[in-house]
Amino acid sequence: MPLLKYLATLPTAGDGVYLHPSCQVIGDVTLGDDSSVWCNTVLRGDVNRIVIGRGSNVQDLTMGHVSHKTADKPDGSPLIIGDYVTVGHSVILHGCHIGNECLIGMGSIIMDDVVIPDRVMIGAGSLVSPGKVLESGMLYMGRPAGAVRPLTEQEIVYLRYSAGHYMRLKDNYLQGVKRDV
């Protein structure tokens, strides 16, 4: 069962959510309408909360976690993902905030207290260092990640297209549609 209780808290899922049977969604996790969590992904909201926005997808082998609340940091570091975000395969997201219509490339690591505003693309394999605040409308790449250039209009359109593609894909899974290869 992909939804697991932690202490007294069970994850909540909106309408049209797809959870692959191999994923694990634990504790204080809220999944927005039409979001999807794919194969072998773990979202562990045990010591703080995780929020996944409407139409966002968290792809295979991604790990989402949080940092606990302390006296020095009363809110800790929750994981917040906005609407229509694509999180690629094998990403690590830890206590960060991702705005709307972003793409986090495969194998990237986004650390505690990072703020990624709306319409940002993170190149595959990038590492965004703790506490870094990025600029909207930019492509970031590298280890550590740095701004490479502004996104093109085509790339900005692609951000929403990518999320829409995964919404259609999860709907196929929800409906049990089999396609000829």
C-alpha atoms as a PDB file:
ATOM      1  CA  MET A   1       0.000   0.000   0.000  1.00  0.00           C
ATOM      2  CA  PRO A   2       1.621   3.304  -1.079  1.00  0.00           C
ATOM      3  CA  LEU A   3      -0.034   5.494   1.611  1.00  0.00           C
ATOM      4  CA  LEU A   4       1.461   4.841   5.029  1.00  0.00           C
ATOM      5  CA  LYS A   5       0.622   6.391   8.390  1.00  0.00           C
ATOM      6  CA  TYR A   6       3.323   7.938  10.564  1.00  0.00           C
ATOM      7  CA  LEU A   7       2.165   8.162  14.174  1.00  0.00           C
ATOM      8  CA  ALA A   8      -1.387   9.533  13.799  1.00  0.00           C
ATOM      9  CA  THR A   9      -0.899  11.201  10.410  1.00  0.00           C
ATOM     10  CA  LEU A  10      -1.964   9.636   7.123  1.00  0.00           C
ATOM     11  CA  PRO A  11      -1.208  11.241   3.726  1.00  0.00           C
ATOM     12  CA  THR A  12      -4.082  12.892   1.864  1.00  0.00           C
ATOM     13  CA  ALA A  13      -4.656  12.786  -1.877  1.00  0.00           C
ATOM     14  CA  GLY A  14      -6.824  15.024  -4.044  1.00  0.00           C
ATOM     15  CA  ASP A  15      -8.960  13.994  -6.992  1.00  0.00           C
ATOM     16  CA  GLY A  16      -7.364  12.169  -9.910  1.00  0.00           C
ATOM     17  CA  VAL A  17      -4.100  11.373  -8.106  1.00  0.00           C
ATOM     18  CA  TYR A  18      -2.073   8.419  -9.379  1.00  0.00           C
ATOM     19  CA  LEU A  19       0.206   6.522  -7.004  1.00  0.00           C
ATOM     20  CA  HIS A  20       2.256   3.710  -8.510  1.00  0.00           C
ATOM     21  CA  PRO A  21       1.930   0.608  -6.282  1.00  0.00           C
ATOM     22  CA  SER A  22       5.702   0.614  -5.613  1.00  0.00           C
ATOM     23  CA  CYS A  23       5.890   4.182  -4.288  1.00  0.00           C
ATOM     24  CA  GLN A  24       5.810   5.011  -0.584  1.00  0.00           C
ATOM     25  CA  VAL A  25       4.031   8.140   0.648  1.00  0.00           C
ATOM     26  CA  ILE A  26       4.434   8.422   4.403  1.00  0.00           C
ATOM     27  CA  GLY A  27       2.979  10.709   7.072  1.00  0.00           C
ATOM     28  CA  ASP A  28       2.194  14.395   6.627  1.00  0.00           C
ATOM     29  CA  VAL A  29       2.003  14.473   2.828  1.00  0.00           C
ATOM     30  CA  THR A  30      -0.650  16.309   0.815  1.00  0.00           C
ATOM     31  CA  LEU A  31      -1.014  15.410  -2.861  1.00  0.00           C
ATOM     32  CA  GLY A  32      -2.842  17.953  -5.012  1.00  0.00           C
ATOM     33  CA  ASP A  33      -5.456  17.098  -7.628  1.00  0.00           C
ATOM     34  CA  ASP A  34      -4.138  15.361 -10.750  1.00  0.00           C
ATOM     35  CA  SER A  35      -0.662  14.838  -9.297  1.00  0.00           C
ATOM     36  CA  SER A  36       1.278  11.596  -9.731  1.00  0.00           C
ATOM     37  CA  VAL A  37       3.962   9.699  -7.826  1.00  0.00           C
ATOM     38  CA  TRP A  38       5.823   7.098  -9.849  1.00  0.00           C
ATOM     39  CA  CYS A  39       7.760   3.846  -9.474  1.00  0.00           C
ATOM     40  CA  ASN A  40       9.814   3.371  -6.304  1.00  0.00           C
ATOM     41  CA  THR A  41       9.544   7.008  -5.248  1.00  0.00           C
ATOM     42  CA  VAL A  42       9.586   7.803  -1.526  1.00  0.00           C
ATOM     43  CA  LEU A  43       7.917  10.877  -0.024  1.00  0.00           C
ATOM     44  CA  ARG A  44       8.668  10.729   3.697  1.00  0.00           C
ATOM     45  CA  GLY A  45       6.724  13.337   5.653  1.00  0.00           C
ATOM     46  CA  ASP A  46       7.554  12.028   9.079  1.00  0.00           C
ATOM     47  CA  VAL A  47       9.239  14.958  10.877  1.00  0.00           C
ATOM     48  CA  ASN A  48       7.728  17.758   8.787  1.00  0.00           C
ATOM     49  CA  ARG A  49       5.207  18.201   5.992  1.00  0.00           C
ATOM     50  CA  ILE A  50       5.360  17.623   2.249  1.00  0.00           C
ATOM     51  CA  VAL A  51       2.977  19.335  -0.164  1.00  0.00           C
ATOM     52  CA  ILE A  52       2.772  18.371  -3.837  1.00  0.00           C
ATOM     53  CA  GLY A  53       0.755  20.799  -5.959  1.00  0.00           C
ATOM     54  CA  ARG A  54      -1.922  20.289  -8.581  1.00  0.00           C
ATOM     55  CA  GLY A  55      -0.824  18.517 -11.773  1.00  0.00           C
ATOM     56  CA  SER A  56       2.730  17.895 -10.546  1.00  0.00           C
ATOM     57  CA  ASN A  57       4.586  14.641 -11.109  1.00  0.00           C
ATOM     58  CA  VAL A  58       7.332  13.046  -9.045  1.00  0.00           C
ATOM     59  CA  GLN A  59       9.073  10.468 -11.184  1.00  0.00           C
ATOM     60  CA  ASP A  60      10.724   7.116 -10.575  1.00  0.00           C
ATOM     61  CA  LEU A  61      13.257   6.648  -7.762  1.00  0.00           C
ATOM     62  CA  THR A  62      12.914  10.180  -6.408  1.00  0.00           C
ATOM     63  CA  MET A  63      13.392  10.757  -2.675  1.00  0.00           C
ATOM     64  CA  GLY A  64      11.525  13.602  -0.988  1.00  0.00           C
ATOM     65  CA  HIS A  65      12.232  14.340   2.653  1.00  0.00           C
ATOM     66  CA  VAL A  66      12.205  17.181   5.180  1.00  0.00           C
ATOM     67  CA  SER A  67      14.081  18.596   8.176  1.00  0.00           C
ATOM     68  CA  HIS A  68      12.535  18.622  11.626  1.00  0.00           C
ATOM     69  CA  LYS A  69      11.539  21.657  13.672  1.00  0.00           C
ATOM     70  CA  THR A  70      14.018  22.949  16.264  1.00  0.00           C
ATOM     71  CA  ALA A  71      14.212  25.834  18.730  1.00  0.00           C
ATOM     72  CA  ASP A  72      16.521  27.675  16.316  1.00  0.00           C
ATOM     73  CA  LYS A  73      14.323  26.851  13.342  1.00  0.00           C
ATOM     74  CA  PRO A  74      10.702  26.516  14.542  1.00  0.00           C
ATOM     75  CA  ASP A  75       9.317  25.687  11.067  1.00  0.00           C
ATOM     76  CA  GLY A  76      12.096  23.266  10.186  1.00  0.00           C
ATOM     77  CA  SER A  77      12.373  22.684   6.445  1.00  0.00           C
ATOM     78  CA  PRO A  78       9.192  21.324   4.834  1.00  0.00           C
ATOM     79  CA  LEU A  79       9.177  20.175   1.215  1.00  0.00           C
ATOM     80  CA  ILE A  80       6.794  22.260  -0.877  1.00  0.00           C
ATOM     81  CA  ILE A  81       6.301  21.603  -4.605  1.00  0.00           C
ATOM     82  CA  GLY A  82       4.038  23.966  -6.542  1.00  0.00           C
ATOM     83  CA  ASP A  83       1.580  23.313  -9.357  1.00  0.00           C
ATOM     84  CA  TYR A  84       2.508  21.731 -12.707  1.00  0.00           C
ATOM     85  CA  VAL A  85       6.038  20.770 -11.662  1.00  0.00           C
ATOM     86  CA  THR A  86       7.963  17.916 -13.268  1.00  0.00           C
ATOM     87  CA  VAL A  87      10.459  16.192 -10.987  1.00  0.00           C
ATOM     88  CA  GLY A  88      12.648  13.891 -13.084  1.00  0.00           C
ATOM     89  CA  HIS A  89      13.926  10.418 -12.284  1.00  0.00           C
ATOM     90  CA  SER A  90      16.245   9.826  -9.308  1.00  0.00           C
ATOM     91  CA  VAL A  91      16.017  13.323  -7.842  1.00  0.00           C
ATOM     92  CA  ILE A  92      16.669  14.092  -4.171  1.00  0.00           C
ATOM     93  CA  LEU A  93      14.513  16.893  -2.748  1.00  0.00           C
ATOM     94  CA  HIS A  94      15.213  17.774   0.871  1.00  0.00           C
ATOM     95  CA  GLY A  95      13.334  20.494   2.724  1.00  0.00           C
ATOM     96  CA  CYS A  96      13.122  22.897  -0.215  1.00  0.00           C
ATOM     97  CA  HIS A  97      10.459  25.051  -1.879  1.00  0.00           C
ATOM     98  CA  ILE A  98       9.783  24.673  -5.612  1.00  0.00           C
ATOM     99  CA  GLY A  99       7.437  27.134  -7.315  1.00  0.00           C
ATOM    100  CA  ASN A 100       4.941  26.530 -10.130  1.00  0.00           C
ATOM    101  CA  GLU A 101       5.776  25.259 -13.626  1.00  0.00           C
ATOM    102  CA  CYS A 102       9.330  24.128 -12.895  1.00  0.00           C
ATOM    103  CA  LEU A 103      11.325  21.176 -14.181  1.00  0.00           C
ATOM    104  CA  ILE A 104      13.883  19.458 -11.965  1.00  0.00           C
ATOM    105  CA  GLY A 105      16.210  17.409 -14.161  1.00  0.00           C
ATOM    106  CA  MET A 106      17.066  13.755 -13.603  1.00  0.00           C
ATOM    107  CA  GLY A 107      19.556  13.002 -10.857  1.00  0.00           C
ATOM    108  CA  SER A 108      19.496  16.506  -9.378  1.00  0.00           C
ATOM    109  CA  ILE A 109      19.846  17.225  -5.667  1.00  0.00           C
ATOM    110  CA  ILE A 110      17.995  20.179  -4.140  1.00  0.00           C
ATOM    111  CA  MET A 111      19.035  20.821  -0.526  1.00  0.00           C
ATOM    112  CA  ASP A 112      17.394  22.344   2.567  1.00  0.00           C
ATOM    113  CA  ASP A 113      15.952  25.846   2.399  1.00  0.00           C
ATOM    114  CA  VAL A 114      16.481  26.263  -1.331  1.00  0.00           C
ATOM    115  CA  VAL A 115      13.835  28.453  -2.939  1.00  0.00           C
ATOM    116  CA  ILE A 116      13.129  27.828  -6.611  1.00  0.00           C
ATOM    117  CA  PRO A 117      10.577  30.368  -7.883  1.00  0.00           C
ATOM    118  CA  ASP A 118       8.098  29.840 -10.727  1.00  0.00           C
ATOM    119  CA  ARG A 119       9.273  28.779 -14.193  1.00  0.00           C
ATOM    120  CA  VAL A 120      12.785  27.525 -13.508  1.00  0.00           C
ATOM    121  CA  MET A 121      14.529  24.603 -15.185  1.00  0.00           C
ATOM    122  CA  ILE A 122      17.235  22.676 -13.315  1.00  0.00           C
ATOM    123  CA  GLY A 123      19.532  20.723 -15.630  1.00  0.00           C
ATOM    124  CA  ALA A 124      20.080  17.005 -15.084  1.00  0.00           C
ATOM    125  CA  GLY A 125      22.612  16.108 -12.408  1.00  0.00           C
ATOM    126  CA  SER A 126      22.664  19.550 -10.797  1.00  0.00           C
ATOM    127  CA  LEU A 127      23.258  20.249  -7.102  1.00  0.00           C
ATOM    128  CA  VAL A 128      21.517  23.277  -5.607  1.00  0.00           C
ATOM    129  CA  SER A 129      23.318  24.148  -2.363  1.00  0.00           C
ATOM    130  CA  PRO A 130      21.470  24.725   0.929  1.00  0.00           C
ATOM    131  CA  GLY A 131      19.720  28.068   1.294  1.00  0.00           C
ATOM    132  CA  LYS A 132      20.213  29.181  -2.298  1.00  0.00           C
ATOM    133  CA  VAL A 133      17.444  31.387  -3.733  1.00  0.00           C
ATOM    134  CA  LEU A 134      17.154  31.137  -7.514  1.00  0.00           C
ATOM    135  CA  GLU A 135      15.766  33.599 -10.049  1.00  0.00           C
ATOM    136  CA  SER A 136      12.564  32.970 -12.022  1.00  0.00           C
ATOM    137  CA  GLY A 137      12.767  32.265 -15.749  1.00  0.00           C
ATOM    138  CA  MET A 138      16.282  30.837 -15.699  1.00  0.00           C
ATOM    139  CA  LEU A 139      18.097  27.606 -16.545  1.00  0.00           C
ATOM    140  CA  TYR A 140      20.433  26.401 -13.787  1.00  0.00           C
ATOM    141  CA  MET A 141      23.053  23.682 -14.196  1.00  0.00           C
ATOM    142  CA  GLY A 142      26.122  22.282 -12.498  1.00  0.00           C
ATOM    143  CA  ARG A 143      27.554  21.134  -9.167  1.00  0.00           C
ATOM    144  CA  PRO A 144      27.028  23.560  -7.538  1.00  0.00           C
ATOM    145  CA  ALA A 145      24.272  24.838  -9.803  1.00  0.00           C
ATOM    146  CA  GLY A 146      24.615  28.271 -11.321  1.00  0.00           C
ATOM    147  CA  ALA A 147      22.482  30.336 -13.665  1.00  0.00           C
ATOM    148  CA  VAL A 148      23.331  29.512 -17.271  1.00  0.00           C
ATOM    149  CA  ARG A 149      20.867  31.696 -19.201  1.00  0.00           C
ATOM    150  CA  PRO A 150      17.255  32.852 -19.371  1.00  0.00           C
ATOM    151  CA  LEU A 151      14.744  30.263 -20.543  1.00  0.00           C
ATOM    152  CA  THR A 152      13.509  30.626 -24.101  1.00  0.00           C
ATOM    153  CA  GLU A 153       9.799  31.087 -24.779  1.00  0.00           C
ATOM    154  CA  GLN A 154       9.756  27.524 -26.150  1.00  0.00           C
ATOM    155  CA  GLU A 155      11.256  26.190 -22.900  1.00  0.00           C
ATOM    156  CA  ILE A 156       8.728  28.116 -20.808  1.00  0.00           C
ATOM    157  CA  VAL A 157       5.887  26.559 -22.829  1.00  0.00           C
ATOM    158  CA  TYR A 158       7.547  23.149 -22.409  1.00  0.00           C
ATOM    159  CA  LEU A 159       7.395  23.405 -18.604  1.00  0.00           C
ATOM    160  CA  ARG A 160       3.594  23.283 -18.657  1.00  0.00           C
ATOM    161  CA  TYR A 161       3.580  20.770 -21.544  1.00  0.00           C
ATOM    162  CA  SER A 162       5.766  18.361 -19.528  1.00  0.00           C
ATOM    163  CA  ALA A 163       3.373  18.448 -16.577  1.00  0.00           C
ATOM    164  CA  GLY A 164       0.413  18.007 -18.949  1.00  0.00           C
ATOM    165  CA  HIS A 165       2.075  15.002 -20.559  1.00  0.00           C
ATOM    166  CA  TYR A 166       2.391  13.301 -17.179  1.00  0.00           C
ATOM    167  CA  MET A 167      -1.211  14.160 -16.352  1.00  0.00           C
ATOM    168  CA  ARG A 168      -2.300  12.338 -19.522  1.00  0.00           C
ATOM    169  CA  LEU A 169       0.017   9.428 -18.710  1.00  0.00           C
ATOM    170  CA  LYS A 170      -1.307   9.029 -15.163  1.00  0.00           C
ATOM    171  CA  ASP A 171      -4.876   9.183 -16.513  1.00  0.00           C
ATOM    172  CA  ASN A 172      -4.018   6.255 -18.791  1.00  0.00           C
ATOM    173  CA  TYR A 173      -2.782   4.296 -15.790  1.00  0.00           C
ATOM    174  CA  LEU A 174      -5.858   5.211 -13.759  1.00  0.00           C
ATOM    175  CA  GLN A 175      -8.116   4.049 -16.583  1.00  0.00           C
ATOM    176  CA  GLY A 176      -6.106   0.897 -17.243  1.00  0.00           C
ATOM    177  CA  VAL A 177      -5.652   1.822 -20.900  1.00  0.00           C
ATOM    178  CA  LYS A 178      -3.316  -0.494 -22.772  1.00  0.00           C
ATOM    179  CA  ARG A 179      -1.612   0.888 -25.828  1.00  0.00           C
ATOM    180  CA  ASP A 180      -0.092  -1.084 -28.679  1.00  0.00           C
ATOM    181  CA  VAL A 181       3.653  -0.675 -28.943  1.00  0.00           C
END
